[in-house]
């Protein structure tokens, strides 16, 4: 696949940071890579707090926080997931989340395998 390694690393680090931040002691965070025919999938799975369904559509919005009370304890500005989403989208990929309150979340980055055009070319529009 083609892409900007530093940016992709930042996207995955943001997902991992979130997973670690919202997974209590004794929980687990897993990072896995899956190669498919036309894409590569990166999964960040945690056994953390989970995300209520009504918040899922807004997770990738800048400055969005699921729980502002938690924001005071964990810090941050609600930009990590928005930035990860923007990076993945710039690479013609997708970022999805599946979550259950009390059971954890799975964030999946899907990136297309190489094509003849560079991901940031002006004609890629």
N, C-alpha and C. Protein backbone atom coordinates (compact mmCIF):
# COMPACT_ATOMS: atom_id res chain seq x y z
N UNK A 1 0.85 -1.18 0.00
CA UNK A 1 0.00 0.00 0.00
C UNK A 1 0.88 1.23 0.00
N UNK A 2 0.33 2.33 -0.47
CA UNK A 2 1.05 3.59 -0.49
C UNK A 2 0.45 4.52 0.55
N UNK A 3 1.30 5.32 1.17
CA UNK A 3 0.78 6.28 2.13
C UNK A 3 1.90 6.96 2.87
N UNK A 4 1.55 7.91 3.66
CA UNK A 4 2.49 8.66 4.46
C UNK A 4 2.63 7.96 5.81
N UNK A 5 3.76 7.30 6.01
CA UNK A 5 3.97 6.46 7.19
C UNK A 5 3.78 7.22 8.50
N UNK A 6 4.32 8.43 8.58
CA UNK A 6 4.23 9.19 9.83
C UNK A 6 2.77 9.52 10.16
N UNK A 7 1.99 9.87 9.15
CA UNK A 7 0.58 10.18 9.40
C UNK A 7 -0.21 8.94 9.79
N UNK A 8 0.03 7.85 9.10
CA UNK A 8 -0.68 6.60 9.44
C UNK A 8 -0.31 6.15 10.85
N UNK A 9 0.96 6.30 11.21
CA UNK A 9 1.39 5.96 12.57
C UNK A 9 0.64 6.82 13.59
N UNK A 10 0.50 8.11 13.29
CA UNK A 10 -0.22 9.02 14.19
C UNK A 10 -1.68 8.59 14.36
N UNK A 11 -2.32 8.19 13.28
CA UNK A 11 -3.71 7.74 13.36
C UNK A 11 -3.83 6.52 14.27
N UNK A 12 -2.96 5.54 14.08
CA UNK A 12 -3.01 4.33 14.91
C UNK A 12 -2.65 4.64 16.35
N UNK A 13 -1.68 5.51 16.56
CA UNK A 13 -1.33 5.91 17.93
C UNK A 13 -2.50 6.58 18.63
N UNK A 14 -3.25 7.41 17.91
CA UNK A 14 -4.42 8.06 18.51
C UNK A 14 -5.46 7.03 18.92
N UNK A 15 -5.69 6.04 18.08
CA UNK A 15 -6.65 4.98 18.42
C UNK A 15 -6.18 4.17 19.62
N UNK A 16 -4.90 3.84 19.64
CA UNK A 16 -4.35 3.09 20.77
C UNK A 16 -4.41 3.91 22.07
N UNK A 17 -4.08 5.19 21.98
CA UNK A 17 -4.11 6.06 23.16
C UNK A 17 -5.52 6.10 23.75
N UNK A 18 -6.52 6.24 22.89
CA UNK A 18 -7.90 6.24 23.36
C UNK A 18 -8.26 4.92 24.02
N UNK A 19 -7.89 3.82 23.37
CA UNK A 19 -8.21 2.49 23.93
C UNK A 19 -7.57 2.32 25.30
N UNK A 20 -6.32 2.72 25.43
CA UNK A 20 -5.62 2.59 26.72
C UNK A 20 -6.23 3.51 27.78
N UNK A 21 -6.63 4.68 27.36
CA UNK A 21 -7.19 5.67 28.28
C UNK A 21 -8.53 5.22 28.87
N UNK A 22 -9.33 4.52 28.09
CA UNK A 22 -10.67 4.16 28.54
C UNK A 22 -10.83 2.68 28.88
N UNK A 23 -9.71 1.98 29.01
CA UNK A 23 -9.74 0.59 29.45
C UNK A 23 -9.22 0.52 30.88
N UNK A 24 -10.02 0.06 31.82
CA UNK A 24 -9.58 0.02 33.22
C UNK A 24 -8.47 -1.01 33.43
N UNK A 25 -7.80 -0.89 34.56
CA UNK A 25 -6.74 -1.83 34.94
C UNK A 25 -7.30 -3.25 34.87
N UNK A 26 -6.52 -4.16 34.32
CA UNK A 26 -6.95 -5.54 34.18
C UNK A 26 -7.61 -5.82 32.84
N UNK A 27 -7.96 -4.77 32.10
CA UNK A 27 -8.56 -4.93 30.78
C UNK A 27 -7.49 -5.18 29.73
N UNK A 28 -7.90 -5.36 28.50
CA UNK A 28 -6.94 -5.61 27.43
C UNK A 28 -7.18 -4.67 26.25
N UNK A 29 -6.10 -4.39 25.55
CA UNK A 29 -6.12 -3.64 24.31
C UNK A 29 -5.34 -4.47 23.31
N UNK A 30 -5.94 -4.73 22.15
CA UNK A 30 -5.30 -5.53 21.12
C UNK A 30 -5.18 -4.72 19.84
N UNK A 31 -4.04 -4.87 19.18
CA UNK A 31 -3.82 -4.27 17.87
C UNK A 31 -3.57 -5.42 16.91
N UNK A 32 -4.31 -5.44 15.81
CA UNK A 32 -4.11 -6.52 14.83
C UNK A 32 -4.18 -5.95 13.43
N UNK A 33 -3.55 -6.66 12.51
CA UNK A 33 -3.50 -6.28 11.11
C UNK A 33 -4.02 -7.43 10.29
N UNK A 34 -4.87 -7.13 9.35
CA UNK A 34 -5.47 -8.16 8.50
C UNK A 34 -5.29 -7.73 7.05
N UNK A 35 -4.71 -8.61 6.24
CA UNK A 35 -4.54 -8.32 4.83
C UNK A 35 -5.66 -9.01 4.06
N UNK A 36 -6.36 -8.22 3.26
CA UNK A 36 -7.43 -8.75 2.41
C UNK A 36 -7.02 -8.57 0.96
N UNK A 37 -7.86 -8.99 0.07
CA UNK A 37 -7.52 -8.94 -1.35
C UNK A 37 -7.25 -7.51 -1.85
N UNK A 38 -8.10 -6.56 -1.47
CA UNK A 38 -7.99 -5.20 -1.98
C UNK A 38 -7.65 -4.16 -0.91
N UNK A 39 -7.47 -4.60 0.33
CA UNK A 39 -7.22 -3.63 1.39
C UNK A 39 -6.47 -4.27 2.55
N UNK A 40 -6.05 -3.40 3.43
CA UNK A 40 -5.43 -3.79 4.70
C UNK A 40 -6.33 -3.24 5.80
N UNK A 41 -6.61 -4.04 6.81
CA UNK A 41 -7.43 -3.60 7.94
C UNK A 41 -6.59 -3.62 9.22
N UNK A 42 -6.68 -2.55 9.96
CA UNK A 42 -6.03 -2.44 11.26
C UNK A 42 -7.15 -2.37 12.29
N UNK A 43 -7.11 -3.26 13.26
CA UNK A 43 -8.15 -3.31 14.30
C UNK A 43 -7.54 -2.93 15.65
N UNK A 44 -8.16 -2.02 16.35
CA UNK A 44 -7.79 -1.68 17.72
C UNK A 44 -9.00 -2.06 18.57
N UNK A 45 -8.83 -3.11 19.36
CA UNK A 45 -9.92 -3.69 20.16
C UNK A 45 -9.59 -3.52 21.64
N UNK A 46 -10.58 -3.09 22.40
CA UNK A 46 -10.36 -2.94 23.85
C UNK A 46 -11.53 -3.52 24.63
N UNK A 47 -11.26 -3.77 25.90
CA UNK A 47 -12.30 -4.23 26.82
C UNK A 47 -12.65 -3.11 27.78
N UNK A 48 -12.70 -1.91 27.26
CA UNK A 48 -12.93 -0.72 28.07
C UNK A 48 -14.38 -0.43 28.36
N UNK A 49 -14.66 0.83 28.59
CA UNK A 49 -15.97 1.29 29.03
C UNK A 49 -17.06 1.11 27.98
N UNK A 50 -16.67 1.16 26.73
CA UNK A 50 -17.66 1.13 25.66
C UNK A 50 -18.27 2.49 25.45
N UNK A 51 -18.96 2.65 24.33
CA UNK A 51 -19.51 3.94 23.94
C UNK A 51 -21.02 3.79 23.73
N UNK A 52 -21.82 4.60 24.38
CA UNK A 52 -23.27 4.53 24.18
C UNK A 52 -23.61 4.78 22.70
N UNK A 53 -24.60 4.05 22.18
CA UNK A 53 -24.94 4.12 20.75
C UNK A 53 -25.24 5.52 20.24
N UNK A 54 -25.85 6.36 21.07
CA UNK A 54 -26.21 7.70 20.60
C UNK A 54 -24.98 8.58 20.32
N UNK A 55 -23.82 8.19 20.83
CA UNK A 55 -22.60 8.97 20.62
C UNK A 55 -21.80 8.50 19.40
N UNK A 56 -22.05 7.30 18.94
CA UNK A 56 -21.26 6.74 17.84
C UNK A 56 -21.24 7.61 16.58
N UNK A 57 -22.36 8.18 16.14
CA UNK A 57 -22.33 8.99 14.91
C UNK A 57 -21.47 10.26 15.02
N UNK A 58 -21.14 10.68 16.23
CA UNK A 58 -20.41 11.94 16.44
C UNK A 58 -18.95 11.76 16.83
N UNK A 59 -18.51 10.53 17.01
CA UNK A 59 -17.17 10.29 17.54
C UNK A 59 -16.04 10.94 16.76
N UNK A 60 -16.18 11.06 15.46
CA UNK A 60 -15.09 11.57 14.64
C UNK A 60 -15.20 13.07 14.38
N UNK A 61 -16.10 13.74 15.09
CA UNK A 61 -16.23 15.19 14.99
C UNK A 61 -15.18 15.85 15.89
N UNK A 62 -14.60 16.94 15.40
CA UNK A 62 -13.62 17.67 16.20
C UNK A 62 -14.25 18.18 17.49
N UNK A 63 -13.52 18.07 18.58
CA UNK A 63 -13.88 18.55 19.92
C UNK A 63 -15.04 17.78 20.56
N UNK A 64 -15.48 16.69 19.95
CA UNK A 64 -16.59 15.93 20.53
C UNK A 64 -16.08 15.05 21.66
N UNK A 65 -16.75 15.11 22.79
CA UNK A 65 -16.42 14.27 23.94
C UNK A 65 -17.67 13.51 24.34
N UNK A 66 -17.54 12.21 24.56
CA UNK A 66 -18.68 11.40 24.97
C UNK A 66 -19.16 11.84 26.34
N UNK A 67 -18.23 12.07 27.25
CA UNK A 67 -18.57 12.42 28.62
C UNK A 67 -17.65 13.54 29.06
N UNK A 68 -18.19 14.75 29.18
CA UNK A 68 -17.35 15.88 29.55
C UNK A 68 -16.78 15.75 30.96
N UNK A 69 -17.44 15.01 31.83
CA UNK A 69 -16.90 14.79 33.17
C UNK A 69 -15.61 13.97 33.10
N UNK A 70 -15.59 12.96 32.21
CA UNK A 70 -14.38 12.16 32.03
C UNK A 70 -13.27 13.00 31.42
N UNK A 71 -13.61 14.00 30.63
CA UNK A 71 -12.62 14.84 29.96
C UNK A 71 -11.73 15.54 30.98
N UNK A 72 -12.30 15.93 32.11
CA UNK A 72 -11.51 16.61 33.14
C UNK A 72 -10.46 15.67 33.72
N UNK A 73 -10.75 14.38 33.80
CA UNK A 73 -9.82 13.42 34.39
C UNK A 73 -8.79 12.92 33.38
N UNK A 74 -9.19 12.81 32.12
CA UNK A 74 -8.31 12.20 31.13
C UNK A 74 -7.56 13.22 30.29
N UNK A 75 -7.96 14.47 30.33
CA UNK A 75 -7.31 15.49 29.53
C UNK A 75 -7.71 15.38 28.07
N UNK A 76 -7.03 16.12 27.23
CA UNK A 76 -7.32 16.08 25.81
C UNK A 76 -8.42 17.05 25.43
N UNK A 77 -8.54 17.23 24.10
CA UNK A 77 -9.49 18.21 23.59
C UNK A 77 -10.54 17.60 22.68
N UNK A 78 -10.55 16.29 22.54
CA UNK A 78 -11.51 15.66 21.65
C UNK A 78 -11.09 15.74 20.19
N UNK A 79 -9.79 15.76 19.95
CA UNK A 79 -9.29 15.87 18.59
C UNK A 79 -8.67 14.58 18.05
N UNK A 80 -8.31 13.66 18.92
CA UNK A 80 -7.59 12.45 18.50
C UNK A 80 -8.33 11.61 17.48
N UNK A 81 -9.60 11.33 17.73
CA UNK A 81 -10.37 10.50 16.80
C UNK A 81 -10.67 11.26 15.51
N UNK A 82 -10.92 12.57 15.62
CA UNK A 82 -11.16 13.37 14.42
C UNK A 82 -9.92 13.40 13.54
N UNK A 83 -8.77 13.54 14.15
CA UNK A 83 -7.51 13.55 13.39
C UNK A 83 -7.26 12.19 12.75
N UNK A 84 -7.48 11.12 13.49
CA UNK A 84 -7.30 9.77 12.94
C UNK A 84 -8.22 9.59 11.73
N UNK A 85 -9.46 10.02 11.86
CA UNK A 85 -10.42 9.90 10.76
C UNK A 85 -9.96 10.69 9.54
N UNK A 86 -9.49 11.90 9.77
CA UNK A 86 -9.02 12.74 8.67
C UNK A 86 -7.83 12.11 7.95
N UNK A 87 -6.89 11.56 8.70
CA UNK A 87 -5.72 10.92 8.11
C UNK A 87 -6.13 9.71 7.27
N UNK A 88 -6.99 8.88 7.84
CA UNK A 88 -7.43 7.68 7.12
C UNK A 88 -8.18 8.06 5.85
N UNK A 89 -9.05 9.05 5.94
CA UNK A 89 -9.80 9.50 4.78
C UNK A 89 -8.87 10.05 3.70
N UNK A 90 -7.83 10.78 4.09
CA UNK A 90 -6.86 11.31 3.13
C UNK A 90 -6.13 10.19 2.38
N UNK A 91 -6.08 9.03 2.99
CA UNK A 91 -5.46 7.85 2.37
C UNK A 91 -6.49 6.99 1.64
N UNK A 92 -7.66 7.57 1.39
CA UNK A 92 -8.79 6.89 0.72
C UNK A 92 -9.29 5.67 1.49
N UNK A 93 -9.16 5.75 2.79
CA UNK A 93 -9.61 4.64 3.62
C UNK A 93 -10.85 4.99 4.41
N UNK A 94 -11.21 4.09 5.30
CA UNK A 94 -12.36 4.33 6.17
C UNK A 94 -11.99 3.97 7.60
N UNK A 95 -12.65 4.61 8.54
CA UNK A 95 -12.48 4.34 9.96
C UNK A 95 -13.87 4.11 10.53
N UNK A 96 -14.06 2.92 11.11
CA UNK A 96 -15.36 2.54 11.68
C UNK A 96 -15.18 2.16 13.14
N UNK A 97 -16.28 2.22 13.87
CA UNK A 97 -16.26 1.79 15.27
C UNK A 97 -17.48 0.94 15.55
N UNK A 98 -17.27 -0.09 16.35
CA UNK A 98 -18.35 -0.90 16.90
C UNK A 98 -18.10 -0.93 18.41
N UNK A 99 -19.15 -0.75 19.18
CA UNK A 99 -18.95 -0.66 20.62
C UNK A 99 -20.18 -1.12 21.38
N UNK A 100 -19.93 -1.66 22.56
CA UNK A 100 -21.00 -2.03 23.50
C UNK A 100 -20.62 -1.51 24.87
N UNK A 101 -21.52 -0.78 25.47
CA UNK A 101 -21.27 -0.23 26.80
C UNK A 101 -20.95 -1.36 27.76
N UNK A 102 -19.87 -1.18 28.52
CA UNK A 102 -19.45 -2.17 29.51
C UNK A 102 -18.64 -3.32 28.94
N UNK A 103 -18.54 -3.42 27.61
CA UNK A 103 -17.80 -4.53 27.00
C UNK A 103 -16.60 -4.08 26.19
N UNK A 104 -16.62 -2.84 25.69
CA UNK A 104 -15.48 -2.35 24.94
C UNK A 104 -15.82 -1.92 23.54
N UNK A 105 -14.77 -1.62 22.78
CA UNK A 105 -14.93 -1.08 21.44
C UNK A 105 -13.92 -1.70 20.49
N UNK A 106 -14.26 -1.65 19.20
CA UNK A 106 -13.34 -2.05 18.14
C UNK A 106 -13.34 -0.94 17.10
N UNK A 107 -12.19 -0.35 16.88
CA UNK A 107 -12.00 0.63 15.83
C UNK A 107 -11.30 -0.08 14.69
N UNK A 108 -11.84 0.06 13.48
CA UNK A 108 -11.28 -0.61 12.31
C UNK A 108 -10.91 0.42 11.26
N UNK A 109 -9.63 0.41 10.89
CA UNK A 109 -9.12 1.23 9.81
C UNK A 109 -9.01 0.33 8.60
N UNK A 110 -9.62 0.73 7.49
CA UNK A 110 -9.52 -0.03 6.25
C UNK A 110 -8.83 0.86 5.22
N UNK A 111 -7.69 0.39 4.72
CA UNK A 111 -6.90 1.16 3.75
C UNK A 111 -6.76 0.37 2.47
N UNK A 112 -7.01 1.02 1.33
CA UNK A 112 -6.89 0.30 0.06
C UNK A 112 -5.44 -0.02 -0.27
N UNK A 113 -5.24 -1.12 -0.97
CA UNK A 113 -3.91 -1.45 -1.45
C UNK A 113 -3.54 -0.50 -2.57
N UNK A 114 -2.28 -0.44 -2.90
CA UNK A 114 -1.74 0.53 -3.87
C UNK A 114 -2.51 0.57 -5.16
N UNK A 115 -2.60 1.78 -5.69
CA UNK A 115 -3.14 1.99 -7.03
C UNK A 115 -2.12 2.82 -7.79
N UNK A 116 -2.41 3.13 -9.00
CA UNK A 116 -1.46 3.86 -9.81
C UNK A 116 -1.35 5.33 -9.41
N UNK A 117 -2.36 5.86 -8.69
CA UNK A 117 -2.34 7.27 -8.30
C UNK A 117 -1.95 7.42 -6.84
N UNK A 118 -1.17 8.45 -6.55
CA UNK A 118 -0.74 8.74 -5.18
C UNK A 118 -1.93 9.30 -4.40
N UNK A 119 -2.02 8.99 -3.12
CA UNK A 119 -3.19 9.36 -2.32
C UNK A 119 -3.39 10.85 -2.15
N UNK A 120 -2.37 11.65 -2.27
CA UNK A 120 -2.52 13.10 -2.06
C UNK A 120 -2.38 13.89 -3.37
N UNK A 121 -2.44 13.24 -4.52
CA UNK A 121 -2.27 13.96 -5.77
C UNK A 121 -3.44 14.91 -6.00
N UNK A 122 -3.19 16.06 -6.65
CA UNK A 122 -4.26 17.04 -6.88
C UNK A 122 -5.42 16.45 -7.68
N UNK A 123 -5.16 15.50 -8.54
CA UNK A 123 -6.23 14.92 -9.37
C UNK A 123 -7.02 13.83 -8.65
N UNK A 124 -6.64 13.53 -7.39
CA UNK A 124 -7.30 12.43 -6.68
C UNK A 124 -8.64 12.85 -6.11
N UNK A 125 -8.94 14.13 -6.11
CA UNK A 125 -10.12 14.74 -5.71
C UNK A 125 -11.14 14.24 -4.93
